[in-house]
Amino acid sequence: MRLDSIAIEGGFKNPVLDAQSVFRAVMQAIAEPGTVRQGAALTRPPAPLTPEAASVALTLCDQDTPIWLDPVLAAEEAVRAWLAFHTGAPLANTPADAHFAFAAEPETLIGLENFAPGSQEYPDRSTTLVLQVRSLSAGPELVLEGPGIERQAQLAPHPMPRHFARQWAQNHARFPRGTDIILVSREGLAALPRTTRIVNQEAQSCM
């Protein structure tokens, strides 16, 4: 199949309604950290970009939101062409220039400090990371506290970046600056906004 055909195919079947369903799922996940949202519309992107990550890209990214791809995704011309056609989003020159960053291999992701944390005046000018994980329930359990969580929430994504709990504590300490994370898998999607704390020591030792 020609590259231009691959780039054109595989978008939302109903762009308006499908994007709305994904947007609602993302917003609900951010509002209630640690919960897994299912049932959002999916796409058919070229591998190794997953349908779940691609749906987030089509919903949140446009010509005004530069994106960064980890080396696995950036190496695939079909992925770059598909995202360019369906979102119009330019590729960021550096991670710090990106509004959104997509990672197919979270375990080898560069440190969170490399992405834009926003500023005290404009904390929204930060990078949102979209991590493709194999599972949201098979990794070391994260016990979460913070806004949107009544007492505590549990999430067990796998795989995650190296020393993630330590990195996340540093990210949380930057508030109101900091990065936010959207986790996507076949199980659905979940979010870790910068306001969320990881409170269990087991996660600290395992990650």
N, C-alpha and C. Protein backbone atom coordinates (compact mmCIF):
# COMPACT_ATOMS: atom_id res chain seq x y z
N MET A 1 0.85 -1.19 0.00
CA MET A 1 0.00 0.00 0.00
C MET A 1 0.88 1.24 0.00
N ARG A 2 0.55 2.21 -0.81
CA ARG A 2 1.32 3.42 -0.91
C ARG A 2 1.22 4.24 0.37
N LEU A 3 2.29 5.01 0.65
CA LEU A 3 2.34 5.80 1.87
C LEU A 3 1.20 6.81 1.93
N ASP A 4 0.88 7.44 0.78
CA ASP A 4 -0.18 8.44 0.80
C ASP A 4 -1.54 7.81 1.11
N SER A 5 -1.75 6.56 0.67
CA SER A 5 -3.00 5.86 1.00
C SER A 5 -3.08 5.54 2.48
N ILE A 6 -1.95 5.13 3.07
CA ILE A 6 -1.91 4.83 4.49
C ILE A 6 -2.22 6.08 5.30
N ALA A 7 -1.67 7.22 4.87
CA ALA A 7 -1.86 8.46 5.61
C ALA A 7 -3.31 8.90 5.61
N ILE A 8 -4.01 8.67 4.51
CA ILE A 8 -5.38 9.15 4.38
C ILE A 8 -6.37 8.27 5.15
N GLU A 9 -6.12 6.98 5.19
CA GLU A 9 -7.07 6.05 5.78
C GLU A 9 -6.94 5.97 7.30
N GLY A 10 -7.97 5.42 7.93
CA GLY A 10 -7.88 5.06 9.34
C GLY A 10 -8.27 6.12 10.34
N GLY A 11 -8.88 7.23 9.88
CA GLY A 11 -9.32 8.26 10.81
C GLY A 11 -10.64 7.90 11.46
N PHE A 12 -11.22 8.85 12.19
CA PHE A 12 -12.53 8.62 12.79
C PHE A 12 -13.58 8.38 11.71
N LYS A 13 -14.50 7.45 11.97
CA LYS A 13 -15.60 7.21 11.03
C LYS A 13 -16.58 8.39 11.03
N ASN A 14 -16.82 8.92 12.23
CA ASN A 14 -17.67 10.10 12.38
C ASN A 14 -16.87 11.14 13.14
N PRO A 15 -16.12 11.98 12.44
CA PRO A 15 -15.14 12.85 13.09
C PRO A 15 -15.67 13.68 14.25
N VAL A 16 -16.84 14.29 14.10
CA VAL A 16 -17.35 15.17 15.16
C VAL A 16 -17.76 14.36 16.38
N LEU A 17 -18.61 13.36 16.20
CA LEU A 17 -19.10 12.58 17.34
C LEU A 17 -17.99 11.76 17.98
N ASP A 18 -17.12 11.19 17.16
CA ASP A 18 -16.03 10.37 17.70
C ASP A 18 -15.07 11.23 18.51
N ALA A 19 -14.71 12.39 18.00
CA ALA A 19 -13.81 13.28 18.75
C ALA A 19 -14.46 13.73 20.05
N GLN A 20 -15.74 13.96 20.03
CA GLN A 20 -16.44 14.36 21.25
C GLN A 20 -16.39 13.25 22.30
N SER A 21 -16.52 12.00 21.86
CA SER A 21 -16.50 10.88 22.82
C SER A 21 -15.12 10.74 23.44
N VAL A 22 -14.07 10.92 22.65
CA VAL A 22 -12.70 10.84 23.19
C VAL A 22 -12.43 12.01 24.11
N PHE A 23 -12.87 13.19 23.73
CA PHE A 23 -12.65 14.37 24.56
C PHE A 23 -13.31 14.20 25.92
N ARG A 24 -14.54 13.68 25.93
CA ARG A 24 -15.22 13.45 27.21
C ARG A 24 -14.46 12.44 28.06
N ALA A 25 -13.96 11.39 27.43
CA ALA A 25 -13.22 10.37 28.18
C ALA A 25 -11.95 10.95 28.79
N VAL A 26 -11.24 11.77 28.02
CA VAL A 26 -10.02 12.39 28.52
C VAL A 26 -10.33 13.34 29.67
N MET A 27 -11.34 14.18 29.51
CA MET A 27 -11.69 15.14 30.55
C MET A 27 -12.14 14.44 31.82
N GLN A 28 -12.91 13.36 31.69
CA GLN A 28 -13.35 12.60 32.86
C GLN A 28 -12.16 11.94 33.55
N ALA A 29 -11.22 11.42 32.77
CA ALA A 29 -10.04 10.79 33.35
C ALA A 29 -9.19 11.80 34.11
N ILE A 30 -9.06 13.00 33.57
CA ILE A 30 -8.30 14.05 34.25
C ILE A 30 -9.01 14.50 35.51
N ALA A 31 -10.33 14.60 35.45
CA ALA A 31 -11.10 15.05 36.60
C ALA A 31 -11.10 14.03 37.73
N GLU A 32 -10.95 12.74 37.39
CA GLU A 32 -10.94 11.68 38.38
C GLU A 32 -9.70 10.81 38.17
N PRO A 33 -8.54 11.29 38.61
CA PRO A 33 -7.28 10.56 38.36
C PRO A 33 -7.35 9.13 38.90
N GLY A 34 -6.78 8.23 38.12
CA GLY A 34 -6.74 6.83 38.53
C GLY A 34 -7.89 6.00 38.01
N THR A 35 -8.95 6.64 37.52
CA THR A 35 -10.07 5.88 36.96
C THR A 35 -9.78 5.56 35.50
N VAL A 36 -10.26 4.42 35.04
CA VAL A 36 -10.06 3.98 33.66
C VAL A 36 -11.34 4.24 32.88
N ARG A 37 -11.22 4.97 31.80
CA ARG A 37 -12.37 5.29 30.95
C ARG A 37 -12.35 4.42 29.71
N GLN A 38 -13.47 3.84 29.39
CA GLN A 38 -13.58 2.93 28.26
C GLN A 38 -14.65 3.43 27.30
N GLY A 39 -14.66 2.84 26.11
CA GLY A 39 -15.73 3.10 25.17
C GLY A 39 -15.53 4.27 24.25
N ALA A 40 -14.39 4.96 24.32
CA ALA A 40 -14.15 6.08 23.42
C ALA A 40 -13.91 5.56 22.00
N ALA A 41 -14.25 6.37 21.02
CA ALA A 41 -14.07 5.97 19.62
C ALA A 41 -12.60 5.74 19.30
N LEU A 42 -12.34 4.79 18.42
CA LEU A 42 -10.97 4.45 18.05
C LEU A 42 -10.71 4.71 16.57
N THR A 43 -9.43 4.73 16.24
CA THR A 43 -8.99 4.93 14.86
C THR A 43 -8.18 3.71 14.42
N ARG A 44 -7.67 3.77 13.21
CA ARG A 44 -6.84 2.67 12.67
C ARG A 44 -5.54 3.25 12.11
N PRO A 45 -4.63 3.61 13.00
CA PRO A 45 -3.37 4.22 12.56
C PRO A 45 -2.35 3.15 12.16
N PRO A 46 -1.28 3.55 11.49
CA PRO A 46 -0.19 2.61 11.24
C PRO A 46 0.56 2.30 12.52
N ALA A 47 1.02 1.07 12.68
CA ALA A 47 1.82 0.68 13.84
C ALA A 47 3.18 1.37 13.76
N PRO A 48 3.78 1.60 14.92
CA PRO A 48 3.40 1.18 16.27
C PRO A 48 2.52 2.17 17.03
N LEU A 49 1.97 3.17 16.37
CA LEU A 49 1.00 4.04 17.02
C LEU A 49 -0.27 3.23 17.26
N THR A 50 -0.79 3.25 18.48
CA THR A 50 -1.96 2.44 18.81
C THR A 50 -3.25 3.20 18.52
N PRO A 51 -4.36 2.49 18.32
CA PRO A 51 -5.64 3.15 18.09
C PRO A 51 -6.02 4.12 19.20
N GLU A 52 -5.71 3.76 20.44
CA GLU A 52 -6.07 4.62 21.57
C GLU A 52 -5.27 5.91 21.57
N ALA A 53 -3.95 5.81 21.37
CA ALA A 53 -3.12 7.01 21.33
C ALA A 53 -3.48 7.87 20.13
N ALA A 54 -3.75 7.23 19.00
CA ALA A 54 -4.10 7.97 17.79
C ALA A 54 -5.41 8.73 17.97
N SER A 55 -6.37 8.13 18.66
CA SER A 55 -7.64 8.82 18.89
C SER A 55 -7.45 10.06 19.75
N VAL A 56 -6.55 9.98 20.74
CA VAL A 56 -6.25 11.15 21.55
C VAL A 56 -5.60 12.22 20.68
N ALA A 57 -4.70 11.81 19.80
CA ALA A 57 -4.04 12.77 18.92
C ALA A 57 -5.04 13.48 18.02
N LEU A 58 -5.94 12.74 17.41
CA LEU A 58 -6.92 13.35 16.51
C LEU A 58 -7.87 14.28 17.25
N THR A 59 -8.08 14.02 18.53
CA THR A 59 -9.01 14.84 19.31
C THR A 59 -8.36 16.11 19.85
N LEU A 60 -7.11 16.03 20.29
CA LEU A 60 -6.49 17.14 21.00
C LEU A 60 -5.47 17.93 20.20
N CYS A 61 -4.97 17.37 19.11
CA CYS A 61 -3.88 18.02 18.39
C CYS A 61 -4.37 18.68 17.10
N ASP A 62 -3.77 19.82 16.78
CA ASP A 62 -4.07 20.50 15.52
C ASP A 62 -2.84 21.29 15.08
N GLN A 63 -3.01 22.17 14.11
CA GLN A 63 -1.87 22.87 13.53
C GLN A 63 -1.18 23.81 14.52
N ASP A 64 -1.83 24.10 15.65
CA ASP A 64 -1.26 24.99 16.65
C ASP A 64 -0.63 24.26 17.82
N THR A 65 -0.57 22.93 17.76
CA THR A 65 -0.03 22.15 18.88
C THR A 65 1.11 21.26 18.40
N PRO A 66 2.35 21.74 18.45
CA PRO A 66 3.48 20.90 18.04
C PRO A 66 3.53 19.61 18.85
N ILE A 67 3.88 18.52 18.19
CA ILE A 67 3.96 17.23 18.88
C ILE A 67 5.37 16.67 18.78
N TRP A 68 5.74 15.91 19.79
CA TRP A 68 7.02 15.21 19.82
C TRP A 68 6.74 13.72 19.85
N LEU A 69 7.51 12.95 19.10
CA LEU A 69 7.37 11.49 19.04
C LEU A 69 8.62 10.85 19.59
N ASP A 70 8.45 9.79 20.39
CA ASP A 70 9.64 9.09 20.86
C ASP A 70 10.32 8.41 19.68
N PRO A 71 11.57 7.95 19.83
CA PRO A 71 12.31 7.42 18.69
C PRO A 71 11.60 6.29 17.95
N VAL A 72 10.84 5.47 18.66
CA VAL A 72 10.14 4.35 18.02
C VAL A 72 9.10 4.86 17.04
N LEU A 73 8.32 5.85 17.45
CA LEU A 73 7.30 6.41 16.58
C LEU A 73 7.91 7.30 15.50
N ALA A 74 8.91 8.09 15.88
CA ALA A 74 9.52 9.01 14.91
C ALA A 74 10.20 8.28 13.77
N ALA A 75 10.62 7.04 14.02
CA ALA A 75 11.33 6.28 12.99
C ALA A 75 10.40 5.78 11.88
N GLU A 76 9.09 5.80 12.12
CA GLU A 76 8.13 5.28 11.15
C GLU A 76 7.55 6.41 10.31
N GLU A 77 7.93 6.45 9.05
CA GLU A 77 7.44 7.50 8.16
C GLU A 77 5.92 7.47 8.03
N ALA A 78 5.35 6.27 8.06
CA ALA A 78 3.89 6.14 7.94
C ALA A 78 3.18 6.79 9.12
N VAL A 79 3.75 6.67 10.31
CA VAL A 79 3.16 7.30 11.50
C VAL A 79 3.23 8.81 11.37
N ARG A 80 4.37 9.33 10.98
CA ARG A 80 4.52 10.78 10.83
C ARG A 80 3.54 11.32 9.78
N ALA A 81 3.42 10.61 8.67
CA ALA A 81 2.52 11.06 7.60
C ALA A 81 1.07 10.99 8.04
N TRP A 82 0.71 9.94 8.76
CA TRP A 82 -0.68 9.77 9.23
C TRP A 82 -1.07 10.88 10.18
N LEU A 83 -0.20 11.18 11.13
CA LEU A 83 -0.48 12.25 12.09
C LEU A 83 -0.55 13.60 11.40
N ALA A 84 0.35 13.83 10.45
CA ALA A 84 0.35 15.11 9.75
C ALA A 84 -0.95 15.30 8.97
N PHE A 85 -1.41 14.25 8.32
CA PHE A 85 -2.64 14.36 7.52
C PHE A 85 -3.87 14.56 8.39
N HIS A 86 -3.97 13.77 9.46
CA HIS A 86 -5.20 13.77 10.24
C HIS A 86 -5.26 14.87 11.30
N THR A 87 -4.12 15.41 11.73
CA THR A 87 -4.14 16.44 12.77
C THR A 87 -3.61 17.78 12.29
N GLY A 88 -2.72 17.78 11.31
CA GLY A 88 -2.07 19.01 10.88
C GLY A 88 -1.02 19.50 11.85
N ALA A 89 -0.76 18.75 12.91
CA ALA A 89 0.18 19.20 13.93
C ALA A 89 1.62 19.08 13.44
N PRO A 90 2.42 20.13 13.61
CA PRO A 90 3.83 20.05 13.22
C PRO A 90 4.63 19.26 14.24
N LEU A 91 5.75 18.70 13.81
CA LEU A 91 6.64 18.02 14.74
C LEU A 91 7.50 19.06 15.45
N ALA A 92 7.60 18.93 16.78
CA ALA A 92 8.40 19.86 17.57
C ALA A 92 9.89 19.60 17.35
N ASN A 93 10.66 20.65 17.39
CA ASN A 93 12.11 20.51 17.23
C ASN A 93 12.75 19.83 18.43
N THR A 94 12.23 20.11 19.61
CA THR A 94 12.75 19.51 20.84
C THR A 94 11.57 19.11 21.72
N PRO A 95 11.77 18.23 22.70
CA PRO A 95 10.68 17.87 23.62
C PRO A 95 10.09 19.09 24.32
N ALA A 96 10.93 20.06 24.66
CA ALA A 96 10.47 21.25 25.38
C ALA A 96 9.57 22.14 24.52
N ASP A 97 9.62 21.96 23.20
CA ASP A 97 8.77 22.76 22.31
C ASP A 97 7.40 22.13 22.08
N ALA A 98 7.21 20.91 22.58
CA ALA A 98 6.00 20.16 22.26
C ALA A 98 4.85 20.49 23.20
N HIS A 99 3.65 20.59 22.64
CA HIS A 99 2.44 20.68 23.45
C HIS A 99 1.98 19.28 23.86
N PHE A 100 2.21 18.32 22.97
CA PHE A 100 1.88 16.93 23.25
C PHE A 100 3.07 16.06 22.86
N ALA A 101 3.33 15.02 23.65
CA ALA A 101 4.39 14.07 23.35
C ALA A 101 3.80 12.67 23.40
N PHE A 102 4.15 11.84 22.41
CA PHE A 102 3.63 10.48 22.31
C PHE A 102 4.78 9.48 22.41
N ALA A 103 4.60 8.48 23.24
CA ALA A 103 5.65 7.48 23.46
C ALA A 103 5.09 6.08 23.30
N ALA A 104 5.71 5.31 22.41
CA ALA A 104 5.34 3.91 22.21
C ALA A 104 6.07 3.00 23.18
N GLU A 105 7.20 3.46 23.72
CA GLU A 105 7.98 2.68 24.68
C GLU A 105 8.25 3.53 25.91
N PRO A 106 7.28 3.62 26.82
CA PRO A 106 7.45 4.48 27.99
C PRO A 106 8.67 4.13 28.83
N GLU A 107 9.06 2.84 28.83
CA GLU A 107 10.17 2.43 29.69
C GLU A 107 11.50 3.04 29.27
N THR A 108 11.61 3.54 28.04
CA THR A 108 12.85 4.17 27.58
C THR A 108 12.67 5.68 27.38
N LEU A 109 11.57 6.23 27.88
CA LEU A 109 11.29 7.65 27.70
C LEU A 109 12.33 8.51 28.40
N ILE A 110 12.70 9.60 27.76
CA ILE A 110 13.60 10.56 28.40
C ILE A 110 12.95 11.13 29.66
N GLY A 111 13.74 11.75 30.52
CA GLY A 111 13.22 12.25 31.78
C GLY A 111 12.14 13.31 31.61
N LEU A 112 11.21 13.34 32.54
CA LEU A 112 10.11 14.30 32.46
C LEU A 112 10.59 15.74 32.45
N GLU A 113 11.77 15.99 33.03
CA GLU A 113 12.27 17.36 33.10
C GLU A 113 12.64 17.92 31.73
N ASN A 114 12.70 17.05 30.72
CA ASN A 114 13.02 17.51 29.37
C ASN A 114 11.83 18.14 28.66
N PHE A 115 10.63 17.95 29.19
CA PHE A 115 9.43 18.49 28.57
C PHE A 115 9.04 19.82 29.22
N ALA A 116 8.26 20.60 28.49
CA ALA A 116 7.89 21.93 28.97
C ALA A 116 6.99 21.83 30.20
N PRO A 117 7.36 22.50 31.30
CA PRO A 117 6.51 22.49 32.50
C PRO A 117 5.56 23.67 32.57
N GLY A 118 5.59 24.56 31.56
CA GLY A 118 4.84 25.80 31.67
C GLY A 118 5.58 26.77 32.57
N SER A 119 4.94 27.86 32.89
CA SER A 119 5.55 28.87 33.76
C SER A 119 4.58 29.18 34.89
N GLN A 120 5.04 29.93 35.88
CA GLN A 120 4.17 30.33 36.98
C GLN A 120 2.98 31.12 36.46
N GLU A 121 3.22 31.99 35.47
CA GLU A 121 2.15 32.82 34.91
C GLU A 121 1.27 32.03 33.94
N TYR A 122 1.87 31.10 33.20
CA TYR A 122 1.13 30.33 32.19
C TYR A 122 1.42 28.84 32.37
N PRO A 123 0.90 28.23 33.43
CA PRO A 123 1.18 26.80 33.67
C PRO A 123 0.58 25.89 32.60
N ASP A 124 -0.38 26.41 31.82
CA ASP A 124 -0.98 25.59 30.77
C ASP A 124 -0.05 25.44 29.56
N ARG A 125 1.02 26.19 29.51
CA ARG A 125 1.96 26.08 28.40
C ARG A 125 2.98 24.98 28.70
N SER A 126 2.46 23.82 28.92
CA SER A 126 3.27 22.66 29.29
C SER A 126 3.01 21.53 28.31
N THR A 127 3.81 20.49 28.43
CA THR A 127 3.65 19.31 27.58
C THR A 127 2.75 18.28 28.26
N THR A 128 1.79 17.77 27.52
CA THR A 128 1.00 16.62 27.96
C THR A 128 1.57 15.37 27.31
N LEU A 129 1.93 14.39 28.12
CA LEU A 129 2.50 13.15 27.61
C LEU A 129 1.41 12.11 27.41
N VAL A 130 1.44 11.44 26.27
CA VAL A 130 0.52 10.34 25.99
C VAL A 130 1.36 9.08 25.89
N LEU A 131 1.23 8.22 26.88
CA LEU A 131 2.06 7.02 26.98
C LEU A 131 1.25 5.78 26.60
N GLN A 132 1.75 5.04 25.62
CA GLN A 132 1.14 3.77 25.24
C GLN A 132 1.66 2.68 26.19
N VAL A 133 0.79 2.18 27.04
CA VAL A 133 1.18 1.11 27.95
C VAL A 133 0.46 -0.18 27.56
N ARG A 134 1.05 -1.29 27.95
CA ARG A 134 0.43 -2.57 27.61
C ARG A 134 -0.75 -2.88 28.52
N SER A 135 -0.72 -2.33 29.72
CA SER A 135 -1.80 -2.61 30.66
C SER A 135 -1.93 -1.45 31.65
N LEU A 136 -3.14 -1.26 32.13
CA LEU A 136 -3.38 -0.30 33.20
C LEU A 136 -3.58 -1.00 34.55
N SER A 137 -3.39 -2.32 34.57
CA SER A 137 -3.68 -3.08 35.79
C SER A 137 -2.63 -4.13 36.12
N ALA A 138 -1.57 -4.27 35.33
CA ALA A 138 -0.62 -5.38 35.51
C ALA A 138 0.72 -4.95 36.08
N GLY A 139 0.91 -3.66 36.35
CA GLY A 139 2.19 -3.18 36.86
C GLY A 139 2.18 -3.01 38.37
N PRO A 140 3.27 -2.46 38.94
CA PRO A 140 3.28 -2.12 40.36
C PRO A 140 2.16 -1.13 40.67
N GLU A 141 1.44 -1.36 41.73
CA GLU A 141 0.29 -0.52 42.05
C GLU A 141 0.73 0.86 42.51
N LEU A 142 0.10 1.87 41.94
CA LEU A 142 0.27 3.25 42.37
C LEU A 142 -0.93 3.62 43.22
N VAL A 143 -0.69 4.07 44.43
CA VAL A 143 -1.75 4.58 45.29
C VAL A 143 -1.73 6.10 45.15
N LEU A 144 -2.86 6.66 44.74
CA LEU A 144 -2.93 8.06 44.35
C LEU A 144 -3.80 8.86 45.30
N GLU A 145 -3.39 10.09 45.54
CA GLU A 145 -4.18 11.05 46.28
C GLU A 145 -4.12 12.39 45.57
N GLY A 146 -5.11 13.24 45.84
CA GLY A 146 -5.10 14.56 45.26
C GLY A 146 -6.47 14.99 44.81
N PRO A 147 -6.57 16.16 44.18
CA PRO A 147 -7.86 16.67 43.70
C PRO A 147 -8.54 15.69 42.75
N GLY A 148 -9.85 15.52 42.94
CA GLY A 148 -10.62 14.59 42.12
C GLY A 148 -10.66 13.18 42.66
N ILE A 149 -9.93 12.92 43.76
CA ILE A 149 -9.90 11.59 44.37
C ILE A 149 -10.49 11.73 45.78
N GLU A 150 -11.55 10.98 46.06
CA GLU A 150 -12.24 11.15 47.35
C GLU A 150 -11.32 10.83 48.51
N ARG A 151 -10.69 9.68 48.49
CA ARG A 151 -9.70 9.34 49.52
C ARG A 151 -8.41 8.89 48.84
N GLN A 152 -8.47 7.72 48.24
CA GLN A 152 -7.33 7.22 47.48
C GLN A 152 -7.84 6.49 46.24
N ALA A 153 -7.00 6.42 45.23
CA ALA A 153 -7.30 5.65 44.03
C ALA A 153 -6.10 4.76 43.72
N GLN A 154 -6.34 3.68 43.01
CA GLN A 154 -5.26 2.76 42.64
C GLN A 154 -5.20 2.60 41.13
N LEU A 155 -4.00 2.55 40.63
CA LEU A 155 -3.76 2.32 39.21
C LEU A 155 -2.46 1.56 39.09
N ALA A 156 -2.36 0.64 38.12
CA ALA A 156 -1.15 -0.18 38.01
C ALA A 156 -0.71 -0.27 36.55
N PRO A 157 -0.31 0.84 35.94
CA PRO A 157 0.10 0.81 34.53
C PRO A 157 1.44 0.13 34.33
N HIS A 158 1.59 -0.48 33.15
CA HIS A 158 2.85 -1.16 32.82
C HIS A 158 3.01 -1.19 31.30
N PRO A 159 4.23 -0.86 30.81
CA PRO A 159 5.41 -0.37 31.54
C PRO A 159 5.34 1.13 31.73
N MET A 160 6.18 1.63 32.63
CA MET A 160 6.25 3.06 32.89
C MET A 160 7.70 3.53 32.79
N PRO A 161 7.92 4.83 32.69
CA PRO A 161 9.30 5.34 32.63
C PRO A 161 10.13 4.91 33.83
N ARG A 162 11.42 4.83 33.63
CA ARG A 162 12.34 4.46 34.70
C ARG A 162 12.23 5.45 35.86
N HIS A 163 12.28 4.90 37.09
CA HIS A 163 12.24 5.72 38.30
C HIS A 163 11.03 6.67 38.27
N PHE A 164 9.90 6.14 37.81
CA PHE A 164 8.76 7.01 37.57
C PHE A 164 8.27 7.70 38.84
N ALA A 165 8.13 6.96 39.93
CA ALA A 165 7.61 7.56 41.15
C ALA A 165 8.48 8.72 41.61
N ARG A 166 9.78 8.57 41.48
CA ARG A 166 10.69 9.65 41.87
C ARG A 166 10.52 10.84 40.93
N GLN A 167 10.46 10.55 39.63
CA GLN A 167 10.26 11.63 38.67
C GLN A 167 8.94 12.35 38.91
N TRP A 168 7.90 11.56 39.24
CA TRP A 168 6.58 12.16 39.42
C TRP A 168 6.55 13.04 40.67
N ALA A 169 7.25 12.65 41.72
CA ALA A 169 7.32 13.48 42.91
C ALA A 169 7.97 14.83 42.58
N GLN A 170 9.00 14.81 41.78
CA GLN A 170 9.64 16.06 41.38
C GLN A 170 8.71 16.88 40.50
N ASN A 171 7.98 16.22 39.62
CA ASN A 171 7.03 16.92 38.76
C ASN A 171 5.92 17.57 39.60
N HIS A 172 5.40 16.82 40.56
CA HIS A 172 4.33 17.35 41.42
C HIS A 172 4.82 18.55 42.22
N ALA A 173 6.09 18.53 42.63
CA ALA A 173 6.64 19.62 43.44
C ALA A 173 6.75 20.92 42.66
N ARG A 174 6.69 20.85 41.34
CA ARG A 174 6.80 22.06 40.52
C ARG A 174 5.47 22.84 40.45
N PHE A 175 4.40 22.27 40.96
CA PHE A 175 3.08 22.87 40.81
C PHE A 175 3.11 24.37 41.16
N PRO A 176 2.44 25.24 40.37
CA PRO A 176 1.48 24.93 39.29
C PRO A 176 2.11 24.52 37.96
N ARG A 177 3.42 24.57 37.89
CA ARG A 177 4.07 24.08 36.67
C ARG A 177 4.10 22.55 36.71
N GLY A 178 4.46 21.95 35.57
CA GLY A 178 4.58 20.50 35.51
C GLY A 178 3.88 19.91 34.31
N THR A 179 4.20 18.66 34.03
CA THR A 179 3.58 17.95 32.92
C THR A 179 2.42 17.10 33.42
N ASP A 180 1.49 16.81 32.52
CA ASP A 180 0.38 15.90 32.79
C ASP A 180 0.54 14.67 31.90
N ILE A 181 -0.02 13.56 32.33
CA ILE A 181 0.13 12.30 31.59
C ILE A 181 -1.23 11.69 31.29
N ILE A 182 -1.39 11.24 30.06
CA ILE A 182 -2.53 10.42 29.66
C ILE A 182 -1.99 9.03 29.33
N LEU A 183 -2.53 8.01 29.97
CA LEU A 183 -2.11 6.63 29.76
C LEU A 183 -3.16 5.93 28.90
N VAL A 184 -2.71 5.27 27.84
CA VAL A 184 -3.65 4.59 26.96
C VAL A 184 -3.24 3.13 26.77
N SER A 185 -4.23 2.26 26.77
CA SER A 185 -4.01 0.84 26.49
C SER A 185 -5.30 0.28 25.93
N ARG A 186 -5.31 -1.01 25.63
CA ARG A 186 -6.54 -1.64 25.14
C ARG A 186 -7.62 -1.66 26.22
N GLU A 187 -7.21 -1.48 27.47
CA GLU A 187 -8.18 -1.45 28.57
C GLU A 187 -8.92 -0.12 28.65
N GLY A 188 -8.42 0.90 27.98
CA GLY A 188 -9.03 2.22 28.05
C GLY A 188 -7.97 3.28 28.25
N LEU A 189 -8.36 4.38 28.87
CA LEU A 189 -7.40 5.44 29.14
C LEU A 189 -7.58 5.95 30.56
N ALA A 190 -6.48 6.44 31.13
CA ALA A 190 -6.47 7.02 32.46
C ALA A 190 -5.54 8.22 32.43
N ALA A 191 -5.60 9.04 33.46
CA ALA A 191 -4.79 10.25 33.48
C ALA A 191 -4.12 10.45 34.83
N LEU A 192 -2.94 11.06 34.77
CA LEU A 192 -2.24 11.50 35.96
C LEU A 192 -1.94 12.99 35.80
N PRO A 193 -2.85 13.85 36.24
CA PRO A 193 -2.54 15.28 36.20
C PRO A 193 -1.46 15.63 37.22
N ARG A 194 -0.81 16.74 37.01
CA ARG A 194 0.32 17.13 37.87
C ARG A 194 -0.08 17.32 39.33
N THR A 195 -1.36 17.48 39.60
CA THR A 195 -1.84 17.67 40.98
C THR A 195 -1.91 16.36 41.75
N THR A 196 -1.76 15.24 41.08
CA THR A 196 -1.91 13.92 41.72
C THR A 196 -0.60 13.50 42.38
N ARG A 197 -0.71 12.93 43.57
CA ARG A 197 0.45 12.44 44.31
C ARG A 197 0.45 10.91 44.33
N ILE A 198 1.64 10.32 44.23
CA ILE A 198 1.83 8.88 44.45
C ILE A 198 2.29 8.73 45.89
N VAL A 199 1.53 8.00 46.71
CA VAL A 199 1.80 8.01 48.15
C VAL A 199 2.33 6.70 48.69
N ASN A 200 2.32 5.62 47.90
CA ASN A 200 2.75 4.34 48.46
C ASN A 200 4.25 4.13 48.27
N GLN A 201 4.88 3.60 49.30
CA GLN A 201 6.32 3.34 49.25
C GLN A 201 6.68 2.21 48.32
N GLU A 202 5.75 1.25 48.10
CA GLU A 202 6.03 0.13 47.21
C GLU A 202 6.33 0.64 45.81
N ALA A 203 5.56 1.61 45.36
CA ALA A 203 5.78 2.17 44.04
C ALA A 203 7.14 2.83 43.96
N GLN A 204 7.55 3.49 45.04
CA GLN A 204 8.84 4.16 45.04
C GLN A 204 9.97 3.16 44.82
N SER A 205 9.87 1.98 45.47
CA SER A 205 10.94 0.99 45.38
C SER A 205 10.90 0.22 44.08
N CYS A 206 9.71 0.03 43.49
CA CYS A 206 9.58 -0.77 42.27
C CYS A 206 9.84 0.04 41.02
N MET A 207 9.75 1.35 41.10
CA MET A 207 9.80 2.15 39.90
C MET A 207 10.89 3.21 40.02
